[in-house]
């Protein structure tokens, strides 16, 4: 199974983070997705062959732990169905079941043995 790993971060002020990550660390915007009000919902920044994803914190939503989680990991895998079955069989705490997203991915979220949030799916920001 092949995989690509992307740190995923939430900021209180996503526009500030966009500018700061560029000026302080040298990241360059790859994609910035805003809502109708102009707030950054999801952004991707790259440095060479590395990429991070981030957005602003949102109101709590029991169906989406990413709304308020400060940081987690997103992993793009080539066989999401098999990966999900493996995680469930191993007793992973599934906090967002496997489902199709509005942005064309199929993914799920789980917590690891230390309570950290992970998402696995088919979304690959390098190929959009």
Protein backbone atom coordinates (compact mmCIF):
# COMPACT_ATOMS: atom_id res chain seq x y z
CA UNK A 1 0.00 0.00 0.00
CA UNK A 2 1.34 3.43 -0.88
CA UNK A 3 0.65 6.50 1.25
CA UNK A 4 1.33 10.23 1.43
CA UNK A 5 1.24 11.98 4.81
CA UNK A 6 0.13 15.59 5.36
CA UNK A 7 0.11 17.42 8.71
CA UNK A 8 -3.24 19.17 9.19
CA UNK A 9 -3.39 22.22 11.46
CA UNK A 10 -6.20 24.50 12.68
CA UNK A 11 -5.52 28.16 13.42
CA UNK A 12 -7.60 30.76 15.22
CA UNK A 13 -6.69 33.17 12.39
CA UNK A 14 -6.13 31.25 9.13
CA UNK A 15 -5.35 34.34 6.96
CA UNK A 16 -2.68 35.38 9.46
CA UNK A 17 -1.26 31.84 9.36
CA UNK A 18 -1.14 31.90 5.56
CA UNK A 19 1.04 35.02 5.58
CA UNK A 20 3.14 33.96 8.55
CA UNK A 21 3.92 30.49 7.21
CA UNK A 22 5.08 32.10 3.98
CA UNK A 23 7.23 34.84 5.50
CA UNK A 24 8.66 32.89 8.45
CA UNK A 25 9.05 29.36 7.07
CA UNK A 26 9.06 29.86 3.30
CA UNK A 27 5.91 27.89 2.48
CA UNK A 28 4.14 28.87 -0.76
CA UNK A 29 0.37 28.66 -1.27
CA UNK A 30 -0.70 25.64 -3.34
CA UNK A 31 -4.48 26.05 -2.91
CA UNK A 32 -6.66 28.28 -0.74
CA UNK A 33 -10.39 27.52 -0.44
CA UNK A 34 -12.63 30.18 1.09
CA UNK A 35 -16.29 30.12 2.06
CA UNK A 36 -18.89 32.65 0.88
CA UNK A 37 -17.83 35.08 3.65
CA UNK A 38 -14.20 34.93 2.48
CA UNK A 39 -12.93 32.90 5.44
CA UNK A 40 -10.29 30.27 4.72
CA UNK A 41 -11.89 26.85 5.16
CA UNK A 42 -8.96 24.83 3.79
CA UNK A 43 -5.52 25.78 2.54
CA UNK A 44 -2.54 23.85 1.25
CA UNK A 45 0.99 25.23 1.34
CA UNK A 46 4.10 23.61 -0.09
CA UNK A 47 7.82 23.76 0.35
CA UNK A 48 9.68 21.67 -2.20
CA UNK A 49 8.09 18.23 -2.08
CA UNK A 50 6.51 18.80 1.35
CA UNK A 51 2.97 20.00 1.90
CA UNK A 52 0.86 20.99 4.89
CA UNK A 53 -2.89 21.55 5.08
CA UNK A 54 -4.68 23.94 7.42
CA UNK A 55 -7.77 26.00 8.04
CA UNK A 56 -9.54 28.11 10.60
CA UNK A 57 -11.26 26.66 13.64
CA UNK A 58 -15.01 26.20 13.20
CA UNK A 59 -18.01 25.74 15.42
CA UNK A 60 -18.13 22.27 17.00
CA UNK A 61 -19.81 19.61 14.86
CA UNK A 62 -20.31 16.09 16.26
CA UNK A 63 -20.08 14.65 12.73
CA UNK A 64 -16.70 16.27 11.96
CA UNK A 65 -13.96 16.25 14.61
CA UNK A 66 -11.73 18.37 12.35
CA UNK A 67 -13.81 21.49 13.10
CA UNK A 68 -12.12 22.11 16.43
CA UNK A 69 -9.14 19.75 16.59
CA UNK A 70 -5.93 21.85 16.75
CA UNK A 71 -3.80 19.39 14.80
CA UNK A 72 -3.90 15.97 13.22
CA UNK A 73 -2.59 13.94 10.31
CA UNK A 74 -4.15 13.25 6.92
CA UNK A 75 -2.91 10.21 5.00
CA UNK A 76 -3.76 9.60 1.35
CA UNK A 77 -3.95 5.86 0.68
CA UNK A 78 -4.54 3.94 -2.53
CA UNK A 79 -7.08 1.42 -1.16
CA UNK A 80 -9.31 3.24 1.31
CA UNK A 81 -11.81 0.39 1.62
CA UNK A 82 -9.12 -2.09 2.73
CA UNK A 83 -7.54 0.48 5.04
CA UNK A 84 -10.87 1.23 6.73
CA UNK A 85 -11.60 -2.48 7.19
CA UNK A 86 -8.17 -3.01 8.74
CA UNK A 87 -8.58 -0.10 11.17
CA UNK A 88 -12.04 -1.29 12.25
CA UNK A 89 -10.84 -4.88 12.67
CA UNK A 90 -8.00 -3.66 14.89
CA UNK A 91 -10.46 -1.78 17.10
CA UNK A 92 -9.59 1.78 16.04
CA UNK A 93 -11.93 4.42 17.46
CA UNK A 94 -13.70 5.57 14.31
CA UNK A 95 -14.89 9.16 14.87
CA UNK A 96 -16.03 9.85 11.29
CA UNK A 97 -17.14 6.80 9.28
CA UNK A 98 -15.97 6.10 5.76
CA UNK A 99 -17.91 8.32 3.37
CA UNK A 100 -17.68 10.30 0.16
CA UNK A 101 -16.99 14.03 0.54
CA UNK A 102 -18.23 17.02 -1.44
CA UNK A 103 -14.66 17.59 -2.70
CA UNK A 104 -14.40 14.18 -4.33
CA UNK A 105 -12.56 12.18 -1.69
CA UNK A 106 -13.58 9.03 0.12
CA UNK A 107 -12.28 9.12 3.69
CA UNK A 108 -12.73 8.46 7.38
CA UNK A 109 -11.28 9.74 10.66
CA UNK A 110 -10.08 7.81 13.69
CA UNK A 111 -8.24 8.40 16.94
CA UNK A 112 -5.05 6.52 17.70
CA UNK A 113 -4.15 4.88 21.02
CA UNK A 114 -3.01 8.29 22.35
CA UNK A 115 -6.19 10.11 21.32
CA UNK A 116 -4.65 11.89 18.31
CA UNK A 117 -6.82 12.54 15.26
CA UNK A 118 -5.99 10.88 11.95
CA UNK A 119 -7.87 10.92 8.66
CA UNK A 120 -7.30 8.49 5.82
CA UNK A 121 -8.68 9.00 2.36
CA UNK A 122 -8.24 9.28 -1.36
CA UNK A 123 -7.72 13.09 -1.52
CA UNK A 124 -4.24 13.88 -2.81
CA UNK A 125 -3.56 17.63 -2.97
CA UNK A 126 -0.62 17.04 -5.31
CA UNK A 127 -3.02 15.68 -7.95
CA UNK A 128 -5.88 18.21 -7.97
